[in-house]
């Protein structure tokens, strides 16, 4: 189970679509990400999903979190339920991300790398 301090704001429902309430890593990357409205986002190496849920709340059409760890994916799914978010979590290594690729997408990987696909 993830440490309580990492998911408290999201679990309590205080995270929203405003940048000031996003997870700190997502807030740091917002200038690089730009607007997510209408995009399909694939978050590689999503770990326990805190950043992934924040990305979903920034207006993306869909968000998929991908990680190789079954425990991390389980924690992400639990956080997703508690946060009442609409995120799909997939257990796979990064090579498996090819199956998650979509057109007009933002691909985000921790730490701090962004690539747009067309």
Protein backbone atom coordinates (compact mmCIF):
# COMPACT_ATOMS: atom_id res chain seq x y z
CA UNK A 1 0.00 0.00 0.00
CA UNK A 2 1.38 3.45 -0.85
CA UNK A 3 2.42 5.76 1.99
CA UNK A 4 -0.53 7.85 3.19
CA UNK A 5 1.22 11.18 2.62
CA UNK A 6 1.57 10.43 -1.10
CA UNK A 7 -2.12 9.87 -1.75
CA UNK A 8 -3.84 11.89 0.98
CA UNK A 9 -4.83 14.91 -1.16
CA UNK A 10 -6.18 12.74 -3.95
CA UNK A 11 -7.98 10.36 -1.59
CA UNK A 12 -9.58 13.27 0.25
CA UNK A 13 -10.90 14.64 -3.02
CA UNK A 14 -8.99 17.92 -2.89
CA UNK A 15 -7.14 17.27 -6.14
CA UNK A 16 -9.01 18.88 -8.99
CA UNK A 17 -8.49 20.29 -12.45
CA UNK A 18 -6.52 23.28 -11.17
CA UNK A 19 -2.72 23.08 -11.46
CA UNK A 20 -2.24 24.20 -7.86
CA UNK A 21 -3.86 20.99 -6.59
CA UNK A 22 -2.07 18.53 -8.89
CA UNK A 23 0.64 16.22 -7.70
CA UNK A 24 3.93 18.22 -7.47
CA UNK A 25 5.63 16.31 -10.33
CA UNK A 26 2.70 16.95 -12.65
CA UNK A 27 2.62 20.62 -11.61
CA UNK A 28 6.37 20.86 -12.35
CA UNK A 29 5.84 19.40 -15.84
CA UNK A 30 2.73 21.42 -16.76
CA UNK A 31 4.68 23.93 -18.90
CA UNK A 32 6.12 21.01 -20.90
CA UNK A 33 2.82 19.16 -21.13
CA UNK A 34 0.64 22.03 -22.26
CA UNK A 35 -3.11 21.53 -22.36
CA UNK A 36 -4.32 17.94 -22.22
CA UNK A 37 -7.91 18.67 -23.26
CA UNK A 38 -9.07 16.06 -25.76
CA UNK A 39 -5.83 14.07 -25.72
CA UNK A 40 -5.35 10.42 -24.89
CA UNK A 41 -2.52 10.19 -22.33
CA UNK A 42 -0.28 7.17 -21.73
CA UNK A 43 1.74 7.46 -18.51
CA UNK A 44 4.72 5.10 -18.70
CA UNK A 45 6.21 3.88 -15.41
CA UNK A 46 3.16 5.18 -13.55
CA UNK A 47 4.04 3.40 -10.28
CA UNK A 48 1.16 3.87 -7.77
CA UNK A 49 -0.83 6.26 -9.97
CA UNK A 50 -0.70 9.57 -8.08
CA UNK A 51 0.63 11.47 -11.10
CA UNK A 52 -1.62 9.47 -13.42
CA UNK A 53 -4.79 10.49 -11.56
CA UNK A 54 -3.60 14.11 -11.62
CA UNK A 55 -3.14 13.88 -15.40
CA UNK A 56 -6.68 12.54 -15.74
CA UNK A 57 -8.04 15.52 -13.85
CA UNK A 58 -6.41 17.99 -16.24
CA UNK A 59 -8.93 17.32 -18.99
CA UNK A 60 -7.47 14.44 -20.96
CA UNK A 61 -10.01 12.45 -22.96
CA UNK A 62 -8.53 9.22 -21.62
CA UNK A 63 -5.58 8.25 -19.41
CA UNK A 64 -3.77 4.91 -19.27
CA UNK A 65 -1.12 4.20 -16.62
CA UNK A 66 1.40 1.47 -17.38
CA UNK A 67 3.81 -0.17 -14.92
CA UNK A 68 5.60 -3.54 -14.67
CA UNK A 69 4.83 -4.01 -10.96
CA UNK A 70 1.60 -5.85 -10.09
CA UNK A 71 1.63 -4.27 -6.60
CA UNK A 72 1.99 -0.77 -8.07
CA UNK A 73 -0.86 -1.39 -10.52
CA UNK A 74 -3.07 -2.67 -7.68
CA UNK A 75 -2.28 0.46 -5.65
CA UNK A 76 -3.03 2.65 -8.68
CA UNK A 77 -6.37 0.96 -9.24
CA UNK A 78 -7.26 1.40 -5.56
CA UNK A 79 -6.32 5.09 -5.69
CA UNK A 80 -8.34 5.45 -8.89
CA UNK A 81 -11.42 4.08 -7.11
CA UNK A 82 -10.92 6.29 -4.04
CA UNK A 83 -10.40 9.36 -6.22
CA UNK A 84 -13.41 8.51 -8.42
CA UNK A 85 -11.18 9.01 -11.46
CA UNK A 86 -11.43 7.37 -14.86
CA UNK A 87 -7.95 5.91 -15.39
CA UNK A 88 -7.07 2.56 -16.97
CA UNK A 89 -4.09 0.80 -15.36
CA UNK A 90 -2.15 -1.81 -17.35
CA UNK A 91 0.51 -4.17 -16.02
CA UNK A 92 3.32 -4.34 -18.57
CA UNK A 93 6.91 -3.33 -19.15
CA UNK A 94 7.57 -0.26 -21.29
CA UNK A 95 7.99 -2.41 -24.40
CA UNK A 96 4.32 -3.31 -23.96
CA UNK A 97 3.36 0.35 -24.32
CA UNK A 98 3.09 -0.13 -28.08
CA UNK A 99 -0.34 -1.63 -27.45
CA UNK A 100 -1.37 1.50 -25.55
CA UNK A 101 -0.26 3.96 -28.21
CA UNK A 102 -2.94 6.20 -29.63
CA UNK A 103 -3.03 9.06 -32.12
CA UNK A 104 -2.98 12.65 -30.80
CA UNK A 105 -1.54 11.51 -27.49
CA UNK A 106 0.74 12.86 -24.83
CA UNK A 107 3.13 10.22 -23.51
CA UNK A 108 4.47 11.02 -20.05
CA UNK A 109 7.15 9.10 -18.22
CA UNK A 110 8.57 9.66 -14.78
CA UNK A 111 10.80 11.54 -14.39
CA UNK A 112 9.99 14.45 -16.64
CA UNK A 113 9.98 13.38 -20.27
CA UNK A 114 7.17 14.27 -22.61
CA UNK A 115 6.62 13.22 -26.20
CA UNK A 116 3.61 13.91 -28.38
CA UNK A 117 2.54 11.40 -30.99
CA UNK A 118 0.55 12.16 -34.12
